[in-house]
Amino acid sequence: MSYSVGQVAGFAGITVRTLHHYDEIGLLVPGERTHAGHRRYTDADLDRLQQILFYRELGFPLDEVAALLDDPAVDPGAHLRRQHDLLTARIEKLQKMAAAVEHAMEARTMGIQLTPEERFEVFGDKDPEQYRDEAEARWGDTEAYAESQRRAATYTKEDWKRIKAEVDDWQERYAALVAAGAPATGEAAMDLAEEHRQHMTRWYFEVPYELHRCFAEMYVSDERFKAYYDSMGPGLAEHLREAILANADRRTS
């Protein structure tokens, strides 16, 4: 089997222009050409493209990717083992980051300048100090935490009321969607998942899709968050996880 440049671009979620560039620099030269000179990619070419994209996702520049893939001393299995180790380490780091930051955001403690009376007025019976020490110990020396503190330190009582109102409104709509039996991979659920990500980005710090995926996993793996989301409706934590992953897939594919 061989595939056209358009087919391969569709498979890999990249542009035809990118494939042309890889060909021009010798990183991925198609194994076949038609009589008219059109590129045709073989299964071996697809294997190499997968390796290229793995390394690119891990931050390797193209010249280093070429050097790694063309090293005769390294077999394909070694590439996969290296990539697996690097990706596992990244996932573990992001999960820890997501857990600490999400705890901090849920607690809404980062730089809140409210009196005790105002805190109870805004947050009701939820303790806004609950995760402060944990979040600061695990996350306090990072730029994302610093950014969330910078933003939150400028928020007024009315800002925090608006944040809480947005959260309450989103929760009500998502719980209604789950109760109605809407699929997690449906447009409505994915749109609400995107709204969830944008809320965090708007009020706290930038949340790329990769980090949002880690939040999604935490919502079912961390008992505190699972209980929090499931309190809105049975199975809501798992439903939200699937919606976030589906939304990230459609936005990044």
C-alpha atoms as a PDB file:
ATOM      1  CA  MET A   1       0.000   0.000   0.000  1.00  0.00           C
ATOM      2  CA  SER A   2       1.067   3.567  -0.618  1.00  0.00           C
ATOM      3  CA  TYR A   3      -0.656   6.835   0.178  1.00  0.00           C
ATOM      4  CA  SER A   4      -0.844  10.305  -1.311  1.00  0.00           C
ATOM      5  CA  VAL A   5       0.508  13.343   0.499  1.00  0.00           C
ATOM      6  CA  GLY A   6      -3.045  14.494   1.185  1.00  0.00           C
ATOM      7  CA  GLN A   7      -3.997  11.167   2.744  1.00  0.00           C
ATOM      8  CA  VAL A   8      -0.925  11.131   4.970  1.00  0.00           C
ATOM      9  CA  ALA A   9      -1.547  14.714   6.062  1.00  0.00           C
ATOM     10  CA  GLY A  10      -5.067  13.672   7.058  1.00  0.00           C
ATOM     11  CA  PHE A  11      -3.852  10.586   8.928  1.00  0.00           C
ATOM     12  CA  ALA A  12      -1.263  12.530  10.909  1.00  0.00           C
ATOM     13  CA  GLY A  13      -3.185  15.749  11.492  1.00  0.00           C
ATOM     14  CA  ILE A  14      -0.512  17.903   9.860  1.00  0.00           C
ATOM     15  CA  THR A  15      -0.425  20.017   6.726  1.00  0.00           C
ATOM     16  CA  VAL A  16       0.651  19.037   3.233  1.00  0.00           C
ATOM     17  CA  ARG A  17       3.110  21.900   3.432  1.00  0.00           C
ATOM     18  CA  THR A  18       4.772  20.276   6.452  1.00  0.00           C
ATOM     19  CA  LEU A  19       5.209  17.016   4.555  1.00  0.00           C
ATOM     20  CA  HIS A  20       6.698  18.892   1.602  1.00  0.00           C
ATOM     21  CA  HIS A  21       9.138  20.579   3.985  1.00  0.00           C
ATOM     22  CA  TYR A  22      10.166  17.262   5.555  1.00  0.00           C
ATOM     23  CA  ASP A  23      10.823  15.937   2.060  1.00  0.00           C
ATOM     24  CA  GLU A  24      12.842  18.994   1.059  1.00  0.00           C
ATOM     25  CA  ILE A  25      15.158  18.757   4.079  1.00  0.00           C
ATOM     26  CA  GLY A  26      15.530  14.985   3.748  1.00  0.00           C
ATOM     27  CA  LEU A  27      13.787  14.175   7.012  1.00  0.00           C
ATOM     28  CA  LEU A  28      10.983  12.181   5.397  1.00  0.00           C
ATOM     29  CA  VAL A  29      11.503  11.370   1.736  1.00  0.00           C
ATOM     30  CA  PRO A  30       8.553   9.419   0.262  1.00  0.00           C
ATOM     31  CA  GLY A  31       9.447   5.874  -0.670  1.00  0.00           C
ATOM     32  CA  GLU A  32       7.626   6.059  -3.997  1.00  0.00           C
ATOM     33  CA  ARG A  33       6.739   8.510  -6.764  1.00  0.00           C
ATOM     34  CA  THR A  34       4.129   8.246  -9.464  1.00  0.00           C
ATOM     35  CA  HIS A  35       5.039   8.585 -13.160  1.00  0.00           C
ATOM     36  CA  ALA A  36       3.922  12.184 -12.860  1.00  0.00           C
ATOM     37  CA  GLY A  37       6.291  12.756  -9.935  1.00  0.00           C
ATOM     38  CA  HIS A  38       3.665  12.867  -7.196  1.00  0.00           C
ATOM     39  CA  ARG A  39       4.722  11.728  -3.731  1.00  0.00           C
ATOM     40  CA  ARG A  40       3.518   8.334  -2.485  1.00  0.00           C
ATOM     41  CA  TYR A  41       4.160   7.241   1.102  1.00  0.00           C
ATOM     42  CA  THR A  42       4.685   3.619   2.126  1.00  0.00           C
ATOM     43  CA  ASP A  43       3.943   1.974   5.464  1.00  0.00           C
ATOM     44  CA  ALA A  44       7.624   2.361   6.351  1.00  0.00           C
ATOM     45  CA  ASP A  45       7.321   6.091   5.654  1.00  0.00           C
ATOM     46  CA  LEU A  46       4.330   6.284   7.992  1.00  0.00           C
ATOM     47  CA  ASP A  47       6.343   4.557  10.718  1.00  0.00           C
ATOM     48  CA  ARG A  48       9.102   7.137  10.314  1.00  0.00           C
ATOM     49  CA  LEU A  49       6.593   9.992  10.328  1.00  0.00           C
ATOM     50  CA  GLN A  50       5.141   8.706  13.585  1.00  0.00           C
ATOM     51  CA  GLN A  51       8.623   8.751  15.133  1.00  0.00           C
ATOM     52  CA  ILE A  52       9.193  12.283  13.834  1.00  0.00           C
ATOM     53  CA  LEU A  53       5.947  13.536  15.317  1.00  0.00           C
ATOM     54  CA  PHE A  54       6.636  11.851  18.649  1.00  0.00           C
ATOM     55  CA  TYR A  55       9.997  13.578  18.914  1.00  0.00           C
ATOM     56  CA  ARG A  56       8.567  16.896  17.782  1.00  0.00           C
ATOM     57  CA  GLU A  57       5.874  16.674  20.453  1.00  0.00           C
ATOM     58  CA  LEU A  58       8.650  16.139  22.993  1.00  0.00           C
ATOM     59  CA  GLY A  59      10.342  19.342  21.860  1.00  0.00           C
ATOM     60  CA  PHE A  60      13.221  18.002  19.760  1.00  0.00           C
ATOM     61  CA  PRO A  61      14.307  20.292  16.884  1.00  0.00           C
ATOM     62  CA  LEU A  62      14.183  18.813  13.392  1.00  0.00           C
ATOM     63  CA  ASP A  63      17.948  18.470  13.011  1.00  0.00           C
ATOM     64  CA  GLU A  64      18.152  16.424  16.226  1.00  0.00           C
ATOM     65  CA  VAL A  65      15.199  14.290  15.120  1.00  0.00           C
ATOM     66  CA  ALA A  66      17.007  13.521  11.866  1.00  0.00           C
ATOM     67  CA  ALA A  67      20.212  12.641  13.706  1.00  0.00           C
ATOM     68  CA  LEU A  68      18.367  10.317  16.088  1.00  0.00           C
ATOM     69  CA  LEU A  69      16.382   8.529  13.406  1.00  0.00           C
ATOM     70  CA  ASP A  70      19.337   8.118  11.075  1.00  0.00           C
ATOM     71  CA  ASP A  71      21.694   6.780  13.746  1.00  0.00           C
ATOM     72  CA  PRO A  72      22.445   3.202  12.626  1.00  0.00           C
ATOM     73  CA  ALA A  73      23.269   2.196  16.191  1.00  0.00           C
ATOM     74  CA  VAL A  74      19.696   2.855  17.375  1.00  0.00           C
ATOM     75  CA  ASP A  75      16.970   0.418  16.377  1.00  0.00           C
ATOM     76  CA  PRO A  76      13.277   1.411  16.069  1.00  0.00           C
ATOM     77  CA  GLY A  77      12.452  -0.319  19.335  1.00  0.00           C
ATOM     78  CA  ALA A  78      14.957   1.861  21.158  1.00  0.00           C
ATOM     79  CA  HIS A  79      13.268   4.977  19.792  1.00  0.00           C
ATOM     80  CA  LEU A  80       9.916   3.808  21.092  1.00  0.00           C
ATOM     81  CA  ARG A  81      11.350   2.988  24.518  1.00  0.00           C
ATOM     82  CA  ARG A  82      13.010   6.403  24.753  1.00  0.00           C
ATOM     83  CA  GLN A  83       9.831   8.185  23.679  1.00  0.00           C
ATOM     84  CA  HIS A  84       7.757   6.148  26.103  1.00  0.00           C
ATOM     85  CA  ASP A  85      10.055   7.081  28.992  1.00  0.00           C
ATOM     86  CA  LEU A  86      10.023  10.773  28.049  1.00  0.00           C
ATOM     87  CA  LEU A  87       6.249  10.879  27.618  1.00  0.00           C
ATOM     88  CA  THR A  88       5.673   9.029  30.891  1.00  0.00           C
ATOM     89  CA  ALA A  89       7.849  11.524  32.723  1.00  0.00           C
ATOM     90  CA  ARG A  90       5.991  14.436  31.109  1.00  0.00           C
ATOM     91  CA  ILE A  91       2.599  12.980  31.972  1.00  0.00           C
ATOM     92  CA  GLU A  92       3.629  12.435  35.580  1.00  0.00           C
ATOM     93  CA  LYS A  93       4.899  16.011  35.842  1.00  0.00           C
ATOM     94  CA  LEU A  94       1.764  17.473  34.267  1.00  0.00           C
ATOM     95  CA  GLN A  95      -0.496  15.426  36.518  1.00  0.00           C
ATOM     96  CA  LYS A  96       1.282  16.773  39.576  1.00  0.00           C
ATOM     97  CA  MET A  97       1.055  20.289  38.172  1.00  0.00           C
ATOM     98  CA  ALA A  98      -2.627  19.872  37.375  1.00  0.00           C
ATOM     99  CA  ALA A  99      -3.432  18.518  40.823  1.00  0.00           C
ATOM    100  CA  ALA A 100      -1.721  21.340  42.658  1.00  0.00           C
ATOM    101  CA  VAL A 101      -3.116  24.099  40.492  1.00  0.00           C
ATOM    102  CA  GLU A 102      -6.634  22.717  40.423  1.00  0.00           C
ATOM    103  CA  HIS A 103      -6.659  22.425  44.200  1.00  0.00           C
ATOM    104  CA  ALA A 104      -5.556  26.024  44.423  1.00  0.00           C
ATOM    105  CA  MET A 105      -8.205  27.205  41.980  1.00  0.00           C
ATOM    106  CA  GLU A 106     -10.960  25.236  43.663  1.00  0.00           C
ATOM    107  CA  ALA A 107      -9.975  26.796  46.965  1.00  0.00           C
ATOM    108  CA  ARG A 108      -9.827  30.257  45.368  1.00  0.00           C
ATOM    109  CA  THR A 109      -7.159  31.263  47.844  1.00  0.00           C
ATOM    110  CA  MET A 110      -4.527  32.780  45.582  1.00  0.00           C
ATOM    111  CA  GLY A 111      -4.230  36.393  46.617  1.00  0.00           C
ATOM    112  CA  ILE A 112      -7.829  36.849  47.729  1.00  0.00           C
ATOM    113  CA  GLN A 113      -8.093  40.199  49.476  1.00  0.00           C
ATOM    114  CA  LEU A 114     -11.385  39.769  51.315  1.00  0.00           C
ATOM    115  CA  THR A 115     -12.393  40.105  54.932  1.00  0.00           C
ATOM    116  CA  PRO A 116     -13.582  36.945  56.738  1.00  0.00           C
ATOM    117  CA  GLU A 117     -17.154  38.216  56.460  1.00  0.00           C
ATOM    118  CA  GLU A 118     -16.787  38.805  52.711  1.00  0.00           C
ATOM    119  CA  ARG A 119     -15.288  35.351  52.188  1.00  0.00           C
ATOM    120  CA  PHE A 120     -18.282  33.674  53.773  1.00  0.00           C
ATOM    121  CA  GLU A 121     -20.598  35.926  51.792  1.00  0.00           C
ATOM    122  CA  VAL A 122     -18.910  35.030  48.501  1.00  0.00           C
ATOM    123  CA  PHE A 123     -18.033  31.385  49.059  1.00  0.00           C
ATOM    124  CA  GLY A 124     -20.731  30.226  51.450  1.00  0.00           C
ATOM    125  CA  ASP A 125     -19.747  27.196  53.526  1.00  0.00           C
ATOM    126  CA  LYS A 126     -16.743  26.312  51.347  1.00  0.00           C
ATOM    127  CA  ASP A 127     -13.434  26.951  53.108  1.00  0.00           C
ATOM    128  CA  PRO A 128     -11.251  29.060  50.790  1.00  0.00           C
ATOM    129  CA  GLU A 129      -8.133  28.226  52.846  1.00  0.00           C
ATOM    130  CA  GLN A 130      -8.470  24.458  52.520  1.00  0.00           C
ATOM    131  CA  TYR A 131      -5.697  23.801  50.003  1.00  0.00           C
ATOM    132  CA  ARG A 132      -3.530  26.916  50.330  1.00  0.00           C
ATOM    133  CA  ASP A 133      -0.538  25.231  52.013  1.00  0.00           C
ATOM    134  CA  GLU A 134      -0.653  22.176  49.769  1.00  0.00           C
ATOM    135  CA  ALA A 135      -0.841  24.248  46.592  1.00  0.00           C
ATOM    136  CA  GLU A 136       1.911  26.625  47.663  1.00  0.00           C
ATOM    137  CA  ALA A 137       4.240  23.783  48.714  1.00  0.00           C
ATOM    138  CA  ARG A 138       3.784  21.857  45.476  1.00  0.00           C
ATOM    139  CA  TRP A 139       3.298  24.685  43.016  1.00  0.00           C
ATOM    140  CA  GLY A 140       4.473  27.926  44.571  1.00  0.00           C
ATOM    141  CA  ASP A 141       7.729  28.276  42.632  1.00  0.00           C
ATOM    142  CA  THR A 142       6.173  27.997  39.167  1.00  0.00           C
ATOM    143  CA  GLU A 143       5.237  30.733  36.726  1.00  0.00           C
ATOM    144  CA  ALA A 144       1.642  29.489  36.428  1.00  0.00           C
ATOM    145  CA  TYR A 145       1.107  29.780  40.179  1.00  0.00           C
ATOM    146  CA  ALA A 146       2.749  33.203  40.180  1.00  0.00           C
ATOM    147  CA  GLU A 147       0.493  34.316  37.331  1.00  0.00           C
ATOM    148  CA  SER A 148      -2.609  33.122  39.168  1.00  0.00           C
ATOM    149  CA  GLN A 149      -1.497  35.038  42.250  1.00  0.00           C
ATOM    150  CA  ARG A 150      -0.854  38.185  40.238  1.00  0.00           C
ATOM    151  CA  ARG A 151      -4.306  38.041  38.698  1.00  0.00           C
ATOM    152  CA  ALA A 152      -6.163  37.076  41.851  1.00  0.00           C
ATOM    153  CA  ALA A 153      -4.477  39.803  43.900  1.00  0.00           C
ATOM    154  CA  THR A 154      -6.219  42.393  41.699  1.00  0.00           C
ATOM    155  CA  TYR A 155      -9.697  40.875  41.995  1.00  0.00           C
ATOM    156  CA  THR A 156     -12.351  42.668  43.988  1.00  0.00           C
ATOM    157  CA  LYS A 157     -15.210  41.190  45.949  1.00  0.00           C
ATOM    158  CA  GLU A 158     -17.384  41.661  42.852  1.00  0.00           C
ATOM    159  CA  ASP A 159     -14.852  39.787  40.708  1.00  0.00           C
ATOM    160  CA  TRP A 160     -14.972  36.786  43.053  1.00  0.00           C
ATOM    161  CA  LYS A 161     -18.745  36.877  43.015  1.00  0.00           C
ATOM    162  CA  ARG A 162     -18.645  36.822  39.234  1.00  0.00           C
ATOM    163  CA  ILE A 163     -16.240  33.872  39.243  1.00  0.00           C
ATOM    164  CA  LYS A 164     -18.507  31.949  41.606  1.00  0.00           C
ATOM    165  CA  ALA A 165     -21.569  32.817  39.516  1.00  0.00           C
ATOM    166  CA  GLU A 166     -19.868  31.535  36.365  1.00  0.00           C
ATOM    167  CA  VAL A 167     -18.910  28.293  38.121  1.00  0.00           C
ATOM    168  CA  ASP A 168     -22.407  27.797  39.533  1.00  0.00           C
ATOM    169  CA  ASP A 169     -24.020  28.448  36.145  1.00  0.00           C
ATOM    170  CA  TRP A 170     -21.663  26.049  34.374  1.00  0.00           C
ATOM    171  CA  GLN A 171     -22.255  23.346  36.974  1.00  0.00           C
ATOM    172  CA  GLU A 172     -26.017  23.676  36.658  1.00  0.00           C
ATOM    173  CA  ARG A 173     -25.906  23.394  32.878  1.00  0.00           C
ATOM    174  CA  TYR A 174     -23.477  20.476  32.890  1.00  0.00           C
ATOM    175  CA  ALA A 175     -25.475  18.571  35.507  1.00  0.00           C
ATOM    176  CA  ALA A 176     -28.627  19.077  33.418  1.00  0.00           C
ATOM    177  CA  LEU A 177     -26.839  17.806  30.325  1.00  0.00           C
ATOM    178  CA  VAL A 178     -25.684  14.636  32.118  1.00  0.00           C
ATOM    179  CA  ALA A 179     -29.138  14.079  33.637  1.00  0.00           C
ATOM    180  CA  ALA A 180     -30.655  14.304  30.148  1.00  0.00           C
ATOM    181  CA  GLY A 181     -28.410  11.479  28.958  1.00  0.00           C
ATOM    182  CA  ALA A 182     -26.340  13.556  26.525  1.00  0.00           C
ATOM    183  CA  PRO A 183     -23.179  11.738  25.410  1.00  0.00           C
ATOM    184  CA  ALA A 184     -19.810  12.979  26.653  1.00  0.00           C
ATOM    185  CA  THR A 185     -18.554  13.035  23.067  1.00  0.00           C
ATOM    186  CA  GLY A 186     -21.484  15.112  21.814  1.00  0.00           C
ATOM    187  CA  GLU A 187     -21.164  18.722  20.722  1.00  0.00           C
ATOM    188  CA  ALA A 188     -22.984  20.090  23.778  1.00  0.00           C
ATOM    189  CA  ALA A 189     -20.731  18.288  26.267  1.00  0.00           C
ATOM    190  CA  MET A 190     -17.558  19.193  24.382  1.00  0.00           C
ATOM    191  CA  ASP A 191     -18.646  22.843  24.201  1.00  0.00           C
ATOM    192  CA  LEU A 192     -19.113  22.894  27.972  1.00  0.00           C
ATOM    193  CA  ALA A 193     -15.720  21.231  28.415  1.00  0.00           C
ATOM    194  CA  GLU A 194     -14.185  24.008  26.332  1.00  0.00           C
ATOM    195  CA  GLU A 195     -16.020  26.573  28.452  1.00  0.00           C
ATOM    196  CA  HIS A 196     -14.511  24.906  31.543  1.00  0.00           C
ATOM    197  CA  ARG A 197     -10.999  25.302  30.098  1.00  0.00           C
ATOM    198  CA  GLN A 198     -11.597  28.893  29.046  1.00  0.00           C
ATOM    199  CA  HIS A 199     -12.877  29.823  32.500  1.00  0.00           C
ATOM    200  CA  MET A 200      -9.610  28.686  34.078  1.00  0.00           C
ATOM    201  CA  THR A 201      -7.591  30.466  31.399  1.00  0.00           C
ATOM    202  CA  ARG A 202      -9.587  33.670  31.749  1.00  0.00           C
ATOM    203  CA  TRP A 203      -9.405  33.926  35.531  1.00  0.00           C
ATOM    204  CA  TYR A 204      -6.233  32.102  36.594  1.00  0.00           C
ATOM    205  CA  PHE A 205      -3.631  31.222  33.957  1.00  0.00           C
ATOM    206  CA  GLU A 206      -3.265  29.712  30.487  1.00  0.00           C
ATOM    207  CA  VAL A 207      -4.520  26.115  30.336  1.00  0.00           C
ATOM    208  CA  PRO A 208      -3.429  24.391  27.107  1.00  0.00           C
ATOM    209  CA  TYR A 209      -5.253  21.271  26.005  1.00  0.00           C
ATOM    210  CA  GLU A 210      -2.499  18.943  27.195  1.00  0.00           C
ATOM    211  CA  LEU A 211      -2.832  20.289  30.738  1.00  0.00           C
ATOM    212  CA  HIS A 212      -6.619  20.179  30.515  1.00  0.00           C
ATOM    213  CA  ARG A 213      -6.333  16.470  29.689  1.00  0.00           C
ATOM    214  CA  CYS A 214      -4.391  16.011  32.924  1.00  0.00           C
ATOM    215  CA  PHE A 215      -7.106  17.828  34.856  1.00  0.00           C
ATOM    216  CA  ALA A 216      -9.625  15.432  33.308  1.00  0.00           C
ATOM    217  CA  GLU A 217      -7.721  12.386  34.530  1.00  0.00           C
ATOM    218  CA  MET A 218      -7.441  13.906  37.995  1.00  0.00           C
ATOM    219  CA  TYR A 219     -11.193  14.383  38.233  1.00  0.00           C
ATOM    220  CA  VAL A 220     -11.626  10.597  38.375  1.00  0.00           C
ATOM    221  CA  SER A 221      -8.336   9.552  40.024  1.00  0.00           C
ATOM    222  CA  ASP A 222      -8.392  12.022  42.945  1.00  0.00           C
ATOM    223  CA  GLU A 223     -11.131  11.070  45.398  1.00  0.00           C
ATOM    224  CA  ARG A 224     -11.676  14.694  46.448  1.00  0.00           C
ATOM    225  CA  PHE A 225     -12.386  15.895  42.940  1.00  0.00           C
ATOM    226  CA  LYS A 226     -14.395  12.833  41.987  1.00  0.00           C
ATOM    227  CA  ALA A 227     -16.615  13.358  45.013  1.00  0.00           C
ATOM    228  CA  TYR A 228     -16.912  17.068  44.211  1.00  0.00           C
ATOM    229  CA  TYR A 229     -18.056  16.547  40.616  1.00  0.00           C
ATOM    230  CA  ASP A 230     -20.156  13.465  41.347  1.00  0.00           C
ATOM    231  CA  SER A 231     -22.021  15.490  43.986  1.00  0.00           C
ATOM    232  CA  MET A 232     -23.520  17.440  41.055  1.00  0.00           C
ATOM    233  CA  GLY A 233     -24.900  14.236  39.533  1.00  0.00           C
ATOM    234  CA  PRO A 234     -24.096  10.509  39.480  1.00  0.00           C
ATOM    235  CA  GLY A 235     -21.225   9.730  37.127  1.00  0.00           C
ATOM    236  CA  LEU A 236     -20.570  13.395  36.321  1.00  0.00           C
ATOM    237  CA  ALA A 237     -16.825  13.204  37.032  1.00  0.00           C
ATOM    238  CA  GLU A 238     -16.291  10.406  34.508  1.00  0.00           C
ATOM    239  CA  HIS A 239     -18.603  12.112  31.995  1.00  0.00           C
ATOM    240  CA  LEU A 240     -16.641  15.354  32.291  1.00  0.00           C
ATOM    241  CA  ARG A 241     -13.371  13.505  31.852  1.00  0.00           C
ATOM    242  CA  GLU A 242     -14.558  12.002  28.582  1.00  0.00           C
ATOM    243  CA  ALA A 243     -15.918  15.354  27.380  1.00  0.00           C
ATOM    244  CA  ILE A 244     -12.619  17.143  28.112  1.00  0.00           C
ATOM    245  CA  LEU A 245     -10.611  14.462  26.292  1.00  0.00           C
ATOM    246  CA  ALA A 246     -12.984  14.521  23.312  1.00  0.00           C
ATOM    247  CA  ASN A 247     -12.854  18.313  23.159  1.00  0.00           C
ATOM    248  CA  ALA A 248      -9.050  18.305  23.302  1.00  0.00           C
ATOM    249  CA  ASP A 249      -8.965  15.753  20.476  1.00  0.00           C
ATOM    250  CA  ARG A 250     -11.217  17.788  18.211  1.00  0.00           C
ATOM    251  CA  ARG A 251      -9.357  21.020  18.929  1.00  0.00           C
ATOM    252  CA  THR A 252      -5.857  19.631  18.397  1.00  0.00           C
ATOM    253  CA  SER A 253      -6.414  17.133  15.581  1.00  0.00           C
END
